[in-house]
Amino acid sequence: MHNSGYGVPLLVHADDTAELLKPVPLSNSGASSYNEKWLQRLLYRHPQALPIAEIDSSFIGLIPLCMEMDTPAGPVDAAYVTPTGRLALLETKLWRNPEARREVVGQILDYAKELHSWDYSRLEGAVRQARKNDSETFNEQFAGVFEVVKEKNPGLDQAKFHDAVTRSLSKGGFLLQ
């Protein structure tokens, strides 16, 4: 282990046993490598791994919409929505990536600027296209953004949800990660 200002992460089990977590090798190639695409898919599938409560608790309960959603500024790595219509955008960069600091901030701000001018139907079309382009989500029956969220929140009111997403888009009230 190298010397750092952080402790060693532990995985603590229900029976009170624990194990040290070991670093994984990060690489740009290879089928089993841990790269930005791997990180993107991991965070898309498991948004609960993101520290949402520490950032803004109004975004708790993120539901994955799509990956690689095209915008005029480029593709958003992952897009999420809450049952209350709040949108979150994710740009993944590995810590070792030299552009991980300044460029990624500018990149995600550009995505937010573009989405700020969208309406609900443009968002839905972009999500639909991104899901169609992704082999992981292509086979899913995609009826729309509302239906994805309603599946996890059966009592959701469609008109209220649509209005909330529209407000989120028009106000630019996004969580940028």
Protein backbone atom coordinates (compact mmCIF):
# COMPACT_ATOMS: atom_id res chain seq x y z
CA MET A 1 0.00 0.00 0.00
CA HIS A 2 1.15 3.51 -0.69
CA ASN A 3 1.05 6.28 1.85
CA SER A 4 -1.91 8.63 1.42
CA GLY A 5 -4.15 10.89 3.43
CA TYR A 6 -6.93 8.30 3.29
CA GLY A 7 -7.45 5.09 5.20
CA VAL A 8 -7.60 1.68 3.61
CA PRO A 9 -11.14 0.87 2.40
CA LEU A 10 -12.83 -2.11 4.01
CA LEU A 11 -15.75 -4.23 2.93
CA VAL A 12 -17.66 -5.02 6.14
CA HIS A 13 -19.98 -8.02 6.09
CA ALA A 14 -23.16 -8.59 8.12
CA ASP A 15 -21.35 -11.12 10.35
CA ASP A 16 -18.92 -8.33 11.41
CA THR A 17 -16.03 -9.73 9.38
CA ALA A 18 -14.18 -7.39 7.08
CA GLU A 19 -11.76 -7.58 4.21
CA LEU A 20 -9.34 -5.06 2.78
CA LEU A 21 -10.28 -3.82 -0.65
CA LYS A 22 -7.47 -4.04 -3.17
CA PRO A 23 -6.87 -1.53 -5.95
CA VAL A 24 -7.70 -2.72 -9.44
CA PRO A 25 -5.40 -2.02 -12.37
CA LEU A 26 -6.76 0.72 -14.60
CA SER A 27 -6.00 0.38 -18.28
CA ASN A 28 -7.14 1.68 -21.63
CA SER A 29 -7.50 -1.66 -23.36
CA GLY A 30 -8.37 -5.29 -22.90
CA ALA A 31 -11.70 -7.00 -22.41
CA SER A 32 -11.29 -7.33 -18.65
CA SER A 33 -9.75 -3.93 -18.00
CA TYR A 34 -11.26 -1.32 -15.74
CA ASN A 35 -11.58 1.72 -17.98
CA GLU A 36 -13.91 4.69 -18.38
CA LYS A 37 -16.48 2.62 -20.30
CA TRP A 38 -16.51 0.07 -17.47
CA LEU A 39 -16.99 2.88 -14.93
CA GLN A 40 -19.75 4.44 -17.02
CA ARG A 41 -21.71 1.18 -17.23
CA LEU A 42 -21.18 0.46 -13.52
CA LEU A 43 -22.56 3.87 -12.48
CA TYR A 44 -25.38 3.64 -15.01
CA ARG A 45 -26.51 0.28 -13.63
CA HIS A 46 -25.95 1.27 -9.98
CA PRO A 47 -26.69 4.97 -9.48
CA GLN A 48 -26.91 4.31 -5.75
CA ALA A 49 -23.07 4.19 -5.83
CA LEU A 50 -23.06 7.95 -6.48
CA PRO A 51 -22.94 10.14 -3.33
CA ILE A 52 -26.24 11.85 -4.18
CA ALA A 53 -27.39 12.48 -0.58
CA GLU A 54 -24.15 14.36 0.12
CA ILE A 55 -24.58 16.53 -3.00
CA ASP A 56 -28.32 17.29 -3.12
CA SER A 57 -30.90 15.09 -1.41
CA SER A 58 -33.62 16.20 -3.85
CA PHE A 59 -31.95 13.93 -6.40
CA ILE A 60 -32.15 10.75 -4.30
CA GLY A 61 -33.74 7.87 -6.21
CA LEU A 62 -32.04 8.35 -9.58
CA ILE A 63 -33.42 6.13 -12.32
CA PRO A 64 -31.12 5.40 -15.29
CA LEU A 65 -32.50 6.61 -18.62
CA CYS A 66 -29.70 6.05 -21.11
CA MET A 67 -26.01 6.20 -21.89
CA GLU A 68 -24.31 8.13 -24.68
CA MET A 69 -27.22 10.52 -25.24
CA ASP A 70 -26.37 12.79 -28.16
CA THR A 71 -26.44 16.54 -27.66
CA PRO A 72 -25.02 19.26 -29.94
CA ALA A 73 -22.12 19.47 -27.45
CA GLY A 74 -21.39 15.73 -27.65
CA PRO A 75 -22.72 12.57 -26.02
CA VAL A 76 -23.66 12.58 -22.32
CA ASP A 77 -22.13 9.49 -20.69
CA ALA A 78 -25.27 8.75 -18.65
CA ALA A 79 -28.59 10.46 -18.02
CA TYR A 80 -30.86 9.83 -15.05
CA VAL A 81 -34.19 11.18 -13.80
CA THR A 82 -35.88 11.16 -10.41
CA PRO A 83 -39.54 10.33 -9.84
CA THR A 84 -40.00 14.06 -9.16
CA GLY A 85 -38.73 14.96 -12.65
CA ARG A 86 -35.23 16.13 -11.70
CA LEU A 87 -32.56 15.32 -14.31
CA ALA A 88 -28.99 14.28 -13.61
CA LEU A 89 -26.11 14.05 -16.09
CA LEU A 90 -22.96 12.01 -15.57
CA GLU A 91 -19.58 12.38 -17.24
CA THR A 92 -17.14 9.62 -16.27
CA LYS A 93 -13.42 10.12 -16.10
CA LEU A 94 -10.86 8.00 -14.34
CA TRP A 95 -8.75 9.81 -11.76
CA ARG A 96 -5.59 9.13 -13.74
CA ASN A 97 -7.07 10.77 -16.83
CA PRO A 98 -5.28 14.13 -17.29
CA GLU A 99 -8.44 15.85 -18.52
CA ALA A 100 -10.35 14.72 -15.45
CA ARG A 101 -10.31 18.13 -13.83
CA ARG A 102 -10.92 21.23 -15.93
CA GLU A 103 -12.03 19.77 -19.24
CA VAL A 104 -14.65 17.49 -17.71
CA VAL A 105 -16.23 20.41 -15.86
CA GLY A 106 -16.47 22.41 -19.10
CA GLN A 107 -17.76 19.35 -20.94
CA ILE A 108 -20.64 18.66 -18.55
CA LEU A 109 -21.54 22.36 -18.38
CA ASP A 110 -21.82 22.34 -22.18
CA TYR A 111 -24.21 19.37 -22.00
CA ALA A 112 -26.35 21.18 -19.40
CA LYS A 113 -26.41 24.32 -21.54
CA GLU A 114 -27.73 22.30 -24.48
CA LEU A 115 -30.39 20.45 -22.48
CA HIS A 116 -31.58 23.74 -21.02
CA SER A 117 -32.99 24.60 -24.47
CA TRP A 118 -34.76 21.24 -24.92
CA ASP A 119 -38.40 20.38 -24.31
CA TYR A 120 -39.80 17.08 -23.06
CA SER A 121 -40.28 15.59 -26.51
CA ARG A 122 -36.72 16.37 -27.58
CA LEU A 123 -35.40 14.75 -24.40
CA GLU A 124 -37.55 11.70 -24.97
CA GLY A 125 -36.37 11.42 -28.59
CA ALA A 126 -32.71 11.66 -27.53
CA VAL A 127 -33.23 9.04 -24.80
CA ARG A 128 -35.04 6.77 -27.25
CA GLN A 129 -32.20 7.05 -29.79
CA ALA A 130 -29.50 6.45 -27.18
CA ARG A 131 -31.27 3.34 -25.90
CA LYS A 132 -31.68 2.08 -29.46
CA ASN A 133 -27.93 2.56 -30.08
CA ASP A 134 -26.94 0.67 -26.92
CA SER A 135 -26.86 -3.10 -27.24
CA GLU A 136 -27.52 -3.42 -23.49
CA THR A 137 -30.83 -1.50 -23.59
CA PHE A 138 -31.82 -2.05 -27.22
CA ASN A 139 -33.92 -5.16 -26.56
CA GLU A 140 -35.91 -3.46 -23.81
CA GLN A 141 -39.39 -2.29 -24.70
CA PHE A 142 -39.04 1.49 -24.42
CA ALA A 143 -42.37 3.26 -24.34
CA GLY A 144 -40.96 6.52 -22.98
CA VAL A 145 -39.26 8.32 -20.13
CA PHE A 146 -42.41 8.34 -18.00
CA GLU A 147 -42.91 4.58 -18.37
CA VAL A 148 -39.33 3.86 -17.26
CA VAL A 149 -39.92 5.86 -14.09
CA LYS A 150 -43.46 4.56 -13.53
CA GLU A 151 -42.17 0.99 -13.59
CA LYS A 152 -40.31 1.75 -10.35
CA ASN A 153 -42.98 4.17 -9.03
CA PRO A 154 -46.41 2.73 -9.93
CA GLY A 155 -48.48 5.59 -8.47
CA LEU A 156 -46.70 8.27 -10.50
CA ASP A 157 -48.94 10.89 -12.11
CA GLN A 158 -48.00 11.36 -15.78
CA ALA A 159 -49.06 15.02 -16.11
CA LYS A 160 -47.20 16.07 -12.94
CA PHE A 161 -44.10 14.14 -13.98
CA HIS A 162 -44.14 15.63 -17.49
CA ASP A 163 -44.53 19.15 -16.04
CA ALA A 164 -41.70 18.57 -13.54
CA VAL A 165 -39.30 17.35 -16.25
CA THR A 166 -40.27 20.32 -18.44
CA ARG A 167 -39.55 22.68 -15.51
CA SER A 168 -36.23 20.97 -14.86
CA LEU A 169 -35.24 21.42 -18.50
CA SER A 170 -36.35 25.05 -18.74
CA LYS A 171 -34.70 26.08 -15.46
CA GLY A 172 -31.54 24.07 -16.08
CA GLY A 173 -32.04 22.44 -12.69
CA PHE A 174 -29.73 19.48 -13.33
CA LEU A 175 -27.41 17.57 -11.08
CA LEU A 176 -24.07 17.46 -12.87
CA GLN A 177 -21.73 14.68 -11.82
